[in-house]
């Protein structure tokens, strides 16, 4: 998988409107990390979102940067493929167009 394809996937995810037709689940959002192994302490017990993100990050510890990025793109394709709206189809076509 190319760096360009990963960058396109990141751009798509960052551009998704919160009230748009593409709604990744919390599990989808927590699926992968792109920055390597955990390098921070687990957030405190009242930071529920922070703990969920940290736990998801910890669960993929040892995954190479390349594998993590490939999984990120695969997960986005999976999420977009579940929808049958024009916006999802447009994003899928944009991803497929990147080498």
PDB file of N, CA and C in Angstrom:
ATOM      1  N   UNK A   1       0.835  -1.176   0.000  1.00  0.00           N
ATOM      2  CA  UNK A   1       0.000   0.000   0.000  1.00  0.00           C
ATOM      3  C   UNK A   1       0.882   1.242   0.000  1.00  0.00           C
ATOM      4  N   UNK A   2       0.495   2.196  -0.774  1.00  0.00           N
ATOM      5  CA  UNK A   2       1.318   3.395  -0.929  1.00  0.00           C
ATOM      6  C   UNK A   2       1.031   4.420   0.160  1.00  0.00           C
ATOM      7  N   UNK A   3       2.014   5.270   0.358  1.00  0.00           N
ATOM      8  CA  UNK A   3       1.870   6.395   1.280  1.00  0.00           C
ATOM      9  C   UNK A   3       0.741   7.309   0.818  1.00  0.00           C
ATOM     10  N   UNK A   4       0.611   7.481  -0.507  1.00  0.00           N
ATOM     11  CA  UNK A   4      -0.426   8.352  -1.066  1.00  0.00           C
ATOM     12  C   UNK A   4      -1.823   7.832  -0.737  1.00  0.00           C
ATOM     13  N   UNK A   5      -2.006   6.514  -0.791  1.00  0.00           N
ATOM     14  CA  UNK A   5      -3.314   5.931  -0.492  1.00  0.00           C
ATOM     15  C   UNK A   5      -3.661   6.146   0.981  1.00  0.00           C
ATOM     16  N   UNK A   6      -2.677   5.953   1.859  1.00  0.00           N
ATOM     17  CA  UNK A   6      -2.907   6.188   3.283  1.00  0.00           C
ATOM     18  C   UNK A   6      -3.258   7.652   3.527  1.00  0.00           C
ATOM     19  N   UNK A   7      -2.508   8.562   2.931  1.00  0.00           N
ATOM     20  CA  UNK A   7      -2.771   9.996   3.109  1.00  0.00           C
ATOM     21  C   UNK A   7      -4.164  10.362   2.607  1.00  0.00           C
ATOM     22  N   UNK A   8      -4.594   9.745   1.504  1.00  0.00           N
ATOM     23  CA  UNK A   8      -5.945   9.988   0.977  1.00  0.00           C
ATOM     24  C   UNK A   8      -6.985   9.500   1.976  1.00  0.00           C
ATOM     25  N   UNK A   9      -6.759   8.316   2.570  1.00  0.00           N
ATOM     26  CA  UNK A   9      -7.693   7.775   3.564  1.00  0.00           C
ATOM     27  C   UNK A   9      -7.806   8.702   4.765  1.00  0.00           C
ATOM     28  N   UNK A  10      -6.679   9.213   5.238  1.00  0.00           N
ATOM     29  CA  UNK A  10      -6.686  10.147   6.367  1.00  0.00           C
ATOM     30  C   UNK A  10      -7.475  11.403   5.994  1.00  0.00           C
ATOM     31  N   UNK A  11      -7.252  11.924   4.797  1.00  0.00           N
ATOM     32  CA  UNK A  11      -7.964  13.131   4.360  1.00  0.00           C
ATOM     33  C   UNK A  11      -9.470  12.887   4.297  1.00  0.00           C
ATOM     34  N   UNK A  12      -9.864  11.708   3.821  1.00  0.00           N
ATOM     35  CA  UNK A  12     -11.295  11.379   3.744  1.00  0.00           C
ATOM     36  C   UNK A  12     -11.891  11.332   5.140  1.00  0.00           C
ATOM     37  N   UNK A  13     -11.236  10.623   6.040  1.00  0.00           N
ATOM     38  CA  UNK A  13     -11.774  10.494   7.403  1.00  0.00           C
ATOM     39  C   UNK A  13     -11.873  11.855   8.072  1.00  0.00           C
ATOM     40  N   UNK A  14     -10.875  12.693   7.901  1.00  0.00           N
ATOM     41  CA  UNK A  14     -10.901  14.015   8.521  1.00  0.00           C
ATOM     42  C   UNK A  14     -11.968  14.924   7.922  1.00  0.00           C
ATOM     43  N   UNK A  15     -12.390  14.645   6.696  1.00  0.00           N
ATOM     44  CA  UNK A  15     -13.383  15.496   6.050  1.00  0.00           C
ATOM     45  C   UNK A  15     -14.822  15.036   6.274  1.00  0.00           C
ATOM     46  N   UNK A  16     -15.004  13.857   6.876  1.00  0.00           N
ATOM     47  CA  UNK A  16     -16.357  13.346   7.068  1.00  0.00           C
ATOM     48  C   UNK A  16     -17.145  14.242   8.015  1.00  0.00           C
ATOM     49  N   UNK A  17     -18.282  14.760   7.575  1.00  0.00           N
ATOM     50  CA  UNK A  17     -19.098  15.570   8.474  1.00  0.00           C
ATOM     51  C   UNK A  17     -19.754  14.684   9.526  1.00  0.00           C
ATOM     52  N   UNK A  18     -19.840  15.187  10.757  1.00  0.00           N
ATOM     53  CA  UNK A  18     -20.407  14.391  11.848  1.00  0.00           C
ATOM     54  C   UNK A  18     -21.852  14.003  11.591  1.00  0.00           C
ATOM     55  N   UNK A  19     -22.563  14.813  10.831  1.00  0.00           N
ATOM     56  CA  UNK A  19     -23.973  14.513  10.555  1.00  0.00           C
ATOM     57  C   UNK A  19     -24.173  13.963   9.142  1.00  0.00           C
ATOM     58  N   UNK A  20     -23.089  13.536   8.507  1.00  0.00           N
ATOM     59  CA  UNK A  20     -23.173  12.994   7.146  1.00  0.00           C
ATOM     60  C   UNK A  20     -23.603  11.540   7.125  1.00  0.00           C
ATOM     61  N   UNK A  21     -23.728  10.960   5.935  1.00  0.00           N
ATOM     62  CA  UNK A  21     -24.210   9.580   5.805  1.00  0.00           C
ATOM     63  C   UNK A  21     -23.191   8.527   6.231  1.00  0.00           C
ATOM     64  N   UNK A  22     -21.908   8.860   6.254  1.00  0.00           N
ATOM     65  CA  UNK A  22     -20.879   7.902   6.639  1.00  0.00           C
ATOM     66  C   UNK A  22     -20.629   8.065   8.131  1.00  0.00           C
ATOM     67  N   UNK A  23     -20.997   7.031   8.893  1.00  0.00           N
ATOM     68  CA  UNK A  23     -20.875   7.096  10.341  1.00  0.00           C
ATOM     69  C   UNK A  23     -20.116   5.882  10.865  1.00  0.00           C
ATOM     70  N   UNK A  24     -18.778   5.976  10.951  1.00  0.00           N
ATOM     71  CA  UNK A  24     -18.034   4.856  11.525  1.00  0.00           C
ATOM     72  C   UNK A  24     -18.434   4.655  12.985  1.00  0.00           C
ATOM     73  N   UNK A  25     -18.555   3.399  13.399  1.00  0.00           N
ATOM     74  CA  UNK A  25     -18.876   3.117  14.788  1.00  0.00           C
ATOM     75  C   UNK A  25     -17.688   3.472  15.665  1.00  0.00           C
ATOM     76  N   UNK A  26     -17.912   3.515  16.978  1.00  0.00           N
ATOM     77  CA  UNK A  26     -16.790   3.775  17.885  1.00  0.00           C
ATOM     78  C   UNK A  26     -15.737   2.686  17.738  1.00  0.00           C
ATOM     79  N   UNK A  27     -16.177   1.449  17.563  1.00  0.00           N
ATOM     80  CA  UNK A  27     -15.236   0.344  17.375  1.00  0.00           C
ATOM     81  C   UNK A  27     -14.412   0.560  16.108  1.00  0.00           C
ATOM     82  N   UNK A  28     -15.075   0.993  15.030  1.00  0.00           N
ATOM     83  CA  UNK A  28     -14.351   1.292  13.786  1.00  0.00           C
ATOM     84  C   UNK A  28     -13.314   2.385  14.018  1.00  0.00           C
ATOM     85  N   UNK A  29     -13.705   3.422  14.745  1.00  0.00           N
ATOM     86  CA  UNK A  29     -12.814   4.548  14.977  1.00  0.00           C
ATOM     87  C   UNK A  29     -11.611   4.164  15.824  1.00  0.00           C
ATOM     88  N   UNK A  30     -11.789   3.185  16.693  1.00  0.00           N
ATOM     89  CA  UNK A  30     -10.707   2.775  17.583  1.00  0.00           C
ATOM     90  C   UNK A  30      -9.871   1.631  17.015  1.00  0.00           C
ATOM     91  N   UNK A  31     -10.199   1.178  15.813  1.00  0.00           N
ATOM     92  CA  UNK A  31      -9.629  -0.057  15.268  1.00  0.00           C
ATOM     93  C   UNK A  31      -8.115  -0.064  15.136  1.00  0.00           C
ATOM     94  N   UNK A  32      -7.554   1.010  14.657  1.00  0.00           N
ATOM     95  CA  UNK A  32      -6.108   0.996  14.387  1.00  0.00           C
ATOM     96  C   UNK A  32      -5.431   2.260  14.870  1.00  0.00           C
ATOM     97  N   UNK A  33      -4.139   2.183  14.951  1.00  0.00           N
ATOM     98  CA  UNK A  33      -3.307   3.338  15.231  1.00  0.00           C
ATOM     99  C   UNK A  33      -2.261   3.457  14.138  1.00  0.00           C
ATOM    100  N   UNK A  34      -1.723   4.620  13.977  1.00  0.00           N
ATOM    101  CA  UNK A  34      -0.746   4.821  12.898  1.00  0.00           C
ATOM    102  C   UNK A  34       0.592   5.312  13.415  1.00  0.00           C
ATOM    103  N   UNK A  35       0.745   5.413  14.725  1.00  0.00           N
ATOM    104  CA  UNK A  35       1.965   6.046  15.233  1.00  0.00           C
ATOM    105  C   UNK A  35       2.846   5.117  16.047  1.00  0.00           C
ATOM    106  N   UNK A  36       2.644   3.832  15.968  1.00  0.00           N
ATOM    107  CA  UNK A  36       3.523   2.912  16.678  1.00  0.00           C
ATOM    108  C   UNK A  36       2.994   2.530  18.041  1.00  0.00           C
ATOM    109  N   UNK A  37       3.866   1.954  18.852  1.00  0.00           N
ATOM    110  CA  UNK A  37       3.476   1.422  20.151  1.00  0.00           C
ATOM    111  C   UNK A  37       3.137   2.525  21.149  1.00  0.00           C
ATOM    112  N   UNK A  38       2.371   2.147  22.162  1.00  0.00           N
ATOM    113  CA  UNK A  38       1.961   3.054  23.228  1.00  0.00           C
ATOM    114  C   UNK A  38       3.189   3.714  23.840  1.00  0.00           C
ATOM    115  N   UNK A  39       3.119   5.028  23.966  1.00  0.00           N
ATOM    116  CA  UNK A  39       4.243   5.758  24.552  1.00  0.00           C
ATOM    117  C   UNK A  39       3.781   6.730  25.627  1.00  0.00           C
ATOM    118  N   UNK A  40       2.569   6.509  26.152  1.00  0.00           N
ATOM    119  CA  UNK A  40       2.019   7.351  27.207  1.00  0.00           C
ATOM    120  C   UNK A  40       1.417   6.464  28.294  1.00  0.00           C
ATOM    121  N   UNK A  41       1.131   7.064  29.429  1.00  0.00           N
ATOM    122  CA  UNK A  41       0.461   6.346  30.505  1.00  0.00           C
ATOM    123  C   UNK A  41      -1.034   6.259  30.201  1.00  0.00           C
ATOM    124  N   UNK A  42      -1.676   5.213  30.697  1.00  0.00           N
ATOM    125  CA  UNK A  42      -3.123   5.062  30.508  1.00  0.00           C
ATOM    126  C   UNK A  42      -3.834   6.204  31.232  1.00  0.00           C
ATOM    127  N   UNK A  43      -4.808   6.840  30.576  1.00  0.00           N
ATOM    128  CA  UNK A  43      -5.548   7.938  31.212  1.00  0.00           C
ATOM    129  C   UNK A  43      -6.264   7.485  32.482  1.00  0.00           C
ATOM    130  N   UNK A  44      -6.607   8.456  33.308  1.00  0.00           N
ATOM    131  CA  UNK A  44      -7.285   8.184  34.573  1.00  0.00           C
ATOM    132  C   UNK A  44      -8.669   7.585  34.402  1.00  0.00           C
ATOM    133  N   UNK A  45      -9.210   7.089  35.507  1.00  0.00           N
ATOM    134  CA  UNK A  45     -10.458   6.334  35.449  1.00  0.00           C
ATOM    135  C   UNK A  45     -11.675   7.156  35.031  1.00  0.00           C
ATOM    136  N   UNK A  46     -11.628   8.451  35.113  1.00  0.00           N
ATOM    137  CA  UNK A  46     -12.769   9.267  34.692  1.00  0.00           C
ATOM    138  C   UNK A  46     -12.702   9.695  33.234  1.00  0.00           C
ATOM    139  N   UNK A  47     -11.598   9.418  32.579  1.00  0.00           N
ATOM    140  CA  UNK A  47     -11.433   9.755  31.160  1.00  0.00           C
ATOM    141  C   UNK A  47     -11.806   8.522  30.325  1.00  0.00           C
ATOM    142  N   UNK A  48     -13.105   8.287  30.173  1.00  0.00           N
ATOM    143  CA  UNK A  48     -13.590   7.074  29.508  1.00  0.00           C
ATOM    144  C   UNK A  48     -13.171   7.018  28.047  1.00  0.00           C
ATOM    145  N   UNK A  49     -13.279   8.132  27.340  1.00  0.00           N
ATOM    146  CA  UNK A  49     -12.881   8.165  25.933  1.00  0.00           C
ATOM    147  C   UNK A  49     -11.379   7.965  25.803  1.00  0.00           C
ATOM    148  N   UNK A  50     -10.622   8.662  26.622  1.00  0.00           N
ATOM    149  CA  UNK A  50      -9.168   8.523  26.593  1.00  0.00           C
ATOM    150  C   UNK A  50      -8.720   7.101  26.879  1.00  0.00           C
ATOM    151  N   UNK A  51      -9.371   6.446  27.850  1.00  0.00           N
ATOM    152  CA  UNK A  51      -9.019   5.056  28.167  1.00  0.00           C
ATOM    153  C   UNK A  51      -9.349   4.135  27.004  1.00  0.00           C
ATOM    154  N   UNK A  52     -10.491   4.337  26.363  1.00  0.00           N
ATOM    155  CA  UNK A  52     -10.875   3.488  25.220  1.00  0.00           C
ATOM    156  C   UNK A  52      -9.863   3.637  24.086  1.00  0.00           C
ATOM    157  N   UNK A  53      -9.451   4.875  23.813  1.00  0.00           N
ATOM    158  CA  UNK A  53      -8.456   5.103  22.765  1.00  0.00           C
ATOM    159  C   UNK A  53      -7.121   4.463  23.136  1.00  0.00           C
ATOM    160  N   UNK A  54      -6.705   4.629  24.385  1.00  0.00           N
ATOM    161  CA  UNK A  54      -5.434   4.069  24.838  1.00  0.00           C
ATOM    162  C   UNK A  54      -5.465   2.544  24.759  1.00  0.00           C
ATOM    163  N   UNK A  55      -6.578   1.941  25.194  1.00  0.00           N
ATOM    164  CA  UNK A  55      -6.713   0.474  25.156  1.00  0.00           C
ATOM    165  C   UNK A  55      -6.673  -0.046  23.723  1.00  0.00           C
ATOM    166  N   UNK A  56      -7.322   0.676  22.806  1.00  0.00           N
ATOM    167  CA  UNK A  56      -7.310   0.273  21.398  1.00  0.00           C
ATOM    168  C   UNK A  56      -5.892   0.367  20.848  1.00  0.00           C
ATOM    169  N   UNK A  57      -5.198   1.411  21.211  1.00  0.00           N
ATOM    170  CA  UNK A  57      -3.821   1.610  20.780  1.00  0.00           C
ATOM    171  C   UNK A  57      -2.935   0.496  21.329  1.00  0.00           C
ATOM    172  N   UNK A  58      -3.111   0.183  22.607  1.00  0.00           N
ATOM    173  CA  UNK A  58      -2.319  -0.867  23.255  1.00  0.00           C
ATOM    174  C   UNK A  58      -2.581  -2.229  22.601  1.00  0.00           C
ATOM    175  N   UNK A  59      -3.805  -2.463  22.156  1.00  0.00           N
ATOM    176  CA  UNK A  59      -4.181  -3.765  21.591  1.00  0.00           C
ATOM    177  C   UNK A  59      -3.472  -4.072  20.276  1.00  0.00           C
ATOM    178  N   UNK A  60      -2.957  -3.056  19.604  1.00  0.00           N
ATOM    179  CA  UNK A  60      -2.250  -3.292  18.338  1.00  0.00           C
ATOM    180  C   UNK A  60      -0.743  -3.089  18.491  1.00  0.00           C
ATOM    181  N   UNK A  61      -0.290  -3.068  19.732  1.00  0.00           N
ATOM    182  CA  UNK A  61       1.137  -2.898  19.992  1.00  0.00           C
ATOM    183  C   UNK A  61       1.943  -3.965  19.264  1.00  0.00           C
ATOM    184  N   UNK A  62       3.035  -3.565  18.683  1.00  0.00           N
ATOM    185  CA  UNK A  62       3.879  -4.482  17.928  1.00  0.00           C
ATOM    186  C   UNK A  62       3.568  -4.511  16.441  1.00  0.00           C
ATOM    187  N   UNK A  63       2.479  -3.869  16.034  1.00  0.00           N
ATOM    188  CA  UNK A  63       2.129  -3.797  14.618  1.00  0.00           C
ATOM    189  C   UNK A  63       3.059  -2.795  13.937  1.00  0.00           C
ATOM    190  N   UNK A  64       3.589  -3.175  12.794  1.00  0.00           N
ATOM    191  CA  UNK A  64       4.468  -2.248  12.083  1.00  0.00           C
ATOM    192  C   UNK A  64       3.668  -1.052  11.572  1.00  0.00           C
ATOM    193  N   UNK A  65       4.354   0.040  11.345  1.00  0.00           N
ATOM    194  CA  UNK A  65       3.711   1.248  10.819  1.00  0.00           C
ATOM    195  C   UNK A  65       3.019   0.946   9.489  1.00  0.00           C
ATOM    196  N   UNK A  66       3.687   0.175   8.631  1.00  0.00           N
ATOM    197  CA  UNK A  66       3.120  -0.156   7.321  1.00  0.00           C
ATOM    198  C   UNK A  66       1.845  -0.995   7.466  1.00  0.00           C
ATOM    199  N   UNK A  67       1.878  -1.991   8.357  1.00  0.00           N
ATOM    200  CA  UNK A  67       0.694  -2.826   8.567  1.00  0.00           C
ATOM    201  C   UNK A  67      -0.451  -2.026   9.168  1.00  0.00           C
ATOM    202  N   UNK A  68      -0.130  -1.154  10.121  1.00  0.00           N
ATOM    203  CA  UNK A  68      -1.161  -0.326  10.746  1.00  0.00           C
ATOM    204  C   UNK A  68      -1.822   0.584   9.715  1.00  0.00           C
ATOM    205  N   UNK A  69      -1.025   1.158   8.838  1.00  0.00           N
ATOM    206  CA  UNK A  69      -1.577   2.036   7.804  1.00  0.00           C
ATOM    207  C   UNK A  69      -2.432   1.251   6.813  1.00  0.00           C
ATOM    208  N   UNK A  70      -1.993   0.053   6.441  1.00  0.00           N
ATOM    209  CA  UNK A  70      -2.778  -0.784   5.529  1.00  0.00           C
ATOM    210  C   UNK A  70      -4.118  -1.143   6.165  1.00  0.00           C
ATOM    211  N   UNK A  71      -4.112  -1.482   7.472  1.00  0.00           N
ATOM    212  CA  UNK A  71      -5.355  -1.811   8.170  1.00  0.00           C
ATOM    213  C   UNK A  71      -6.280  -0.602   8.261  1.00  0.00           C
ATOM    214  N   UNK A  72      -5.701   0.566   8.410  1.00  0.00           N
ATOM    215  CA  UNK A  72      -6.468   1.816   8.463  1.00  0.00           C
ATOM    216  C   UNK A  72      -7.248   2.001   7.160  1.00  0.00           C
ATOM    217  N   UNK A  73      -6.549   1.811   6.041  1.00  0.00           N
ATOM    218  CA  UNK A  73      -7.185   1.949   4.731  1.00  0.00           C
ATOM    219  C   UNK A  73      -8.233   0.864   4.540  1.00  0.00           C
ATOM    220  N   UNK A  74      -7.910  -0.375   4.912  1.00  0.00           N
ATOM    221  CA  UNK A  74      -8.867  -1.482   4.785  1.00  0.00           C
ATOM    222  C   UNK A  74     -10.127  -1.216   5.596  1.00  0.00           C
ATOM    223  N   UNK A  75      -9.973  -0.695   6.812  1.00  0.00           N
ATOM    224  CA  UNK A  75     -11.130  -0.408   7.660  1.00  0.00           C
ATOM    225  C   UNK A  75     -11.989   0.688   7.039  1.00  0.00           C
ATOM    226  N   UNK A  76     -11.372   1.716   6.488  1.00  0.00           N
ATOM    227  CA  UNK A  76     -12.141   2.780   5.839  1.00  0.00           C
ATOM    228  C   UNK A  76     -12.910   2.219   4.652  1.00  0.00           C
ATOM    229  N   UNK A  77     -12.273   1.383   3.846  1.00  0.00           N
ATOM    230  CA  UNK A  77     -12.955   0.771   2.702  1.00  0.00           C
ATOM    231  C   UNK A  77     -14.137  -0.065   3.179  1.00  0.00           C
ATOM    232  N   UNK A  78     -13.946  -0.814   4.263  1.00  0.00           N
ATOM    233  CA  UNK A  78     -15.031  -1.628   4.831  1.00  0.00           C
ATOM    234  C   UNK A  78     -16.198  -0.759   5.276  1.00  0.00           C
ATOM    235  N   UNK A  79     -15.907   0.340   5.979  1.00  0.00           N
ATOM    236  CA  UNK A  79     -16.957   1.240   6.465  1.00  0.00           C
ATOM    237  C   UNK A  79     -17.697   1.867   5.290  1.00  0.00           C
ATOM    238  N   UNK A  80     -16.960   2.344   4.297  1.00  0.00           N
ATOM    239  CA  UNK A  80     -17.595   2.975   3.134  1.00  0.00           C
ATOM    240  C   UNK A  80     -18.411   1.978   2.330  1.00  0.00           C
ATOM    241  N   UNK A  81     -17.965   0.736   2.261  1.00  0.00           N
ATOM    242  CA  UNK A  81     -18.669  -0.291   1.480  1.00  0.00           C
ATOM    243  C   UNK A  81     -20.011  -0.671   2.091  1.00  0.00           C
ATOM    244  N   UNK A  82     -20.176  -0.422   3.388  1.00  0.00           N
ATOM    245  CA  UNK A  82     -21.446  -0.743   4.068  1.00  0.00           C
ATOM    246  C   UNK A  82     -22.558   0.208   3.657  1.00  0.00           C
ATOM    247  N   UNK A  83     -22.186   1.389   3.176  1.00  0.00           N
ATOM    248  CA  UNK A  83     -23.169   2.407   2.801  1.00  0.00           C
ATOM    249  C   UNK A  83     -23.436   2.363   1.308  1.00  0.00           C
ATOM    250  N   UNK A  84     -24.650   2.736   0.940  1.00  0.00           N
ATOM    251  CA  UNK A  84     -25.013   2.747  -0.476  1.00  0.00           C
ATOM    252  C   UNK A  84     -25.359   4.172  -0.928  1.00  0.00           C
ATOM    253  N   UNK A  85     -24.701   5.146  -0.311  1.00  0.00           N
ATOM    254  CA  UNK A  85     -24.990   6.530  -0.668  1.00  0.00           C
ATOM    255  C   UNK A  85     -23.923   7.065  -1.625  1.00  0.00           C
ATOM    256  N   UNK A  86     -24.228   8.164  -2.264  1.00  0.00           N
ATOM    257  CA  UNK A  86     -23.334   8.751  -3.266  1.00  0.00           C
ATOM    258  C   UNK A  86     -22.006   9.190  -2.660  1.00  0.00           C
ATOM    259  N   UNK A  87     -22.038   9.717  -1.436  1.00  0.00           N
ATOM    260  CA  UNK A  87     -20.807  10.195  -0.805  1.00  0.00           C
ATOM    261  C   UNK A  87     -19.832   9.032  -0.563  1.00  0.00           C
ATOM    262  N   UNK A  88     -20.341   7.902  -0.061  1.00  0.00           N
ATOM    263  CA  UNK A  88     -19.485   6.734   0.177  1.00  0.00           C
ATOM    264  C   UNK A  88     -18.895   6.220  -1.133  1.00  0.00           C
ATOM    265  N   UNK A  89     -19.721   6.159  -2.152  1.00  0.00           N
ATOM    266  CA  UNK A  89     -19.247   5.690  -3.463  1.00  0.00           C
ATOM    267  C   UNK A  89     -18.172   6.624  -4.017  1.00  0.00           C
ATOM    268  N   UNK A  90     -18.350   7.927  -3.810  1.00  0.00           N
ATOM    269  CA  UNK A  90     -17.361   8.910  -4.270  1.00  0.00           C
ATOM    270  C   UNK A  90     -16.027   8.689  -3.557  1.00  0.00           C
ATOM    271  N   UNK A  91     -16.066   8.502  -2.238  1.00  0.00           N
ATOM    272  CA  UNK A  91     -14.834   8.285  -1.485  1.00  0.00           C
ATOM    273  C   UNK A  91     -14.150   6.980  -1.869  1.00  0.00           C
ATOM    274  N   UNK A  92     -14.940   5.928  -2.115  1.00  0.00           N
ATOM    275  CA  UNK A  92     -14.374   4.656  -2.555  1.00  0.00           C
ATOM    276  C   UNK A  92     -13.654   4.827  -3.887  1.00  0.00           C
ATOM    277  N   UNK A  93     -14.286   5.547  -4.802  1.00  0.00           N
ATOM    278  CA  UNK A  93     -13.677   5.779  -6.118  1.00  0.00           C
ATOM    279  C   UNK A  93     -12.381   6.580  -5.971  1.00  0.00           C
ATOM    280  N   UNK A  94     -12.371   7.565  -5.080  1.00  0.00           N
ATOM    281  CA  UNK A  94     -11.159   8.356  -4.854  1.00  0.00           C
ATOM    282  C   UNK A  94     -10.034   7.478  -4.321  1.00  0.00           C
ATOM    283  N   UNK A  95     -10.350   6.583  -3.397  1.00  0.00           N
ATOM    284  CA  UNK A  95      -9.333   5.678  -2.852  1.00  0.00           C
ATOM    285  C   UNK A  95      -8.798   4.728  -3.920  1.00  0.00           C
ATOM    286  N   UNK A  96      -9.709   4.191  -4.727  1.00  0.00           N
ATOM    287  CA  UNK A  96      -9.305   3.252  -5.775  1.00  0.00           C
ATOM    288  C   UNK A  96      -8.430   3.933  -6.827  1.00  0.00           C
ATOM    289  N   UNK A  97      -8.617   5.224  -7.024  1.00  0.00           N
ATOM    290  CA  UNK A  97      -7.852   5.951  -8.046  1.00  0.00           C
ATOM    291  C   UNK A  97      -6.402   6.202  -7.622  1.00  0.00           C
ATOM    292  N   UNK A  98      -6.129   6.093  -6.326  1.00  0.00           N
ATOM    293  CA  UNK A  98      -4.768   6.323  -5.828  1.00  0.00           C
ATOM    294  C   UNK A  98      -3.985   5.034  -5.890  1.00  0.00           C
ATOM    295  N   UNK A  99      -2.801   5.103  -6.482  1.00  0.00           N
ATOM    296  CA  UNK A  99      -1.965   3.894  -6.636  1.00  0.00           C
ATOM    297  C   UNK A  99      -1.342   3.487  -5.324  1.00  0.00           C
TER     298      UNK A  99
END
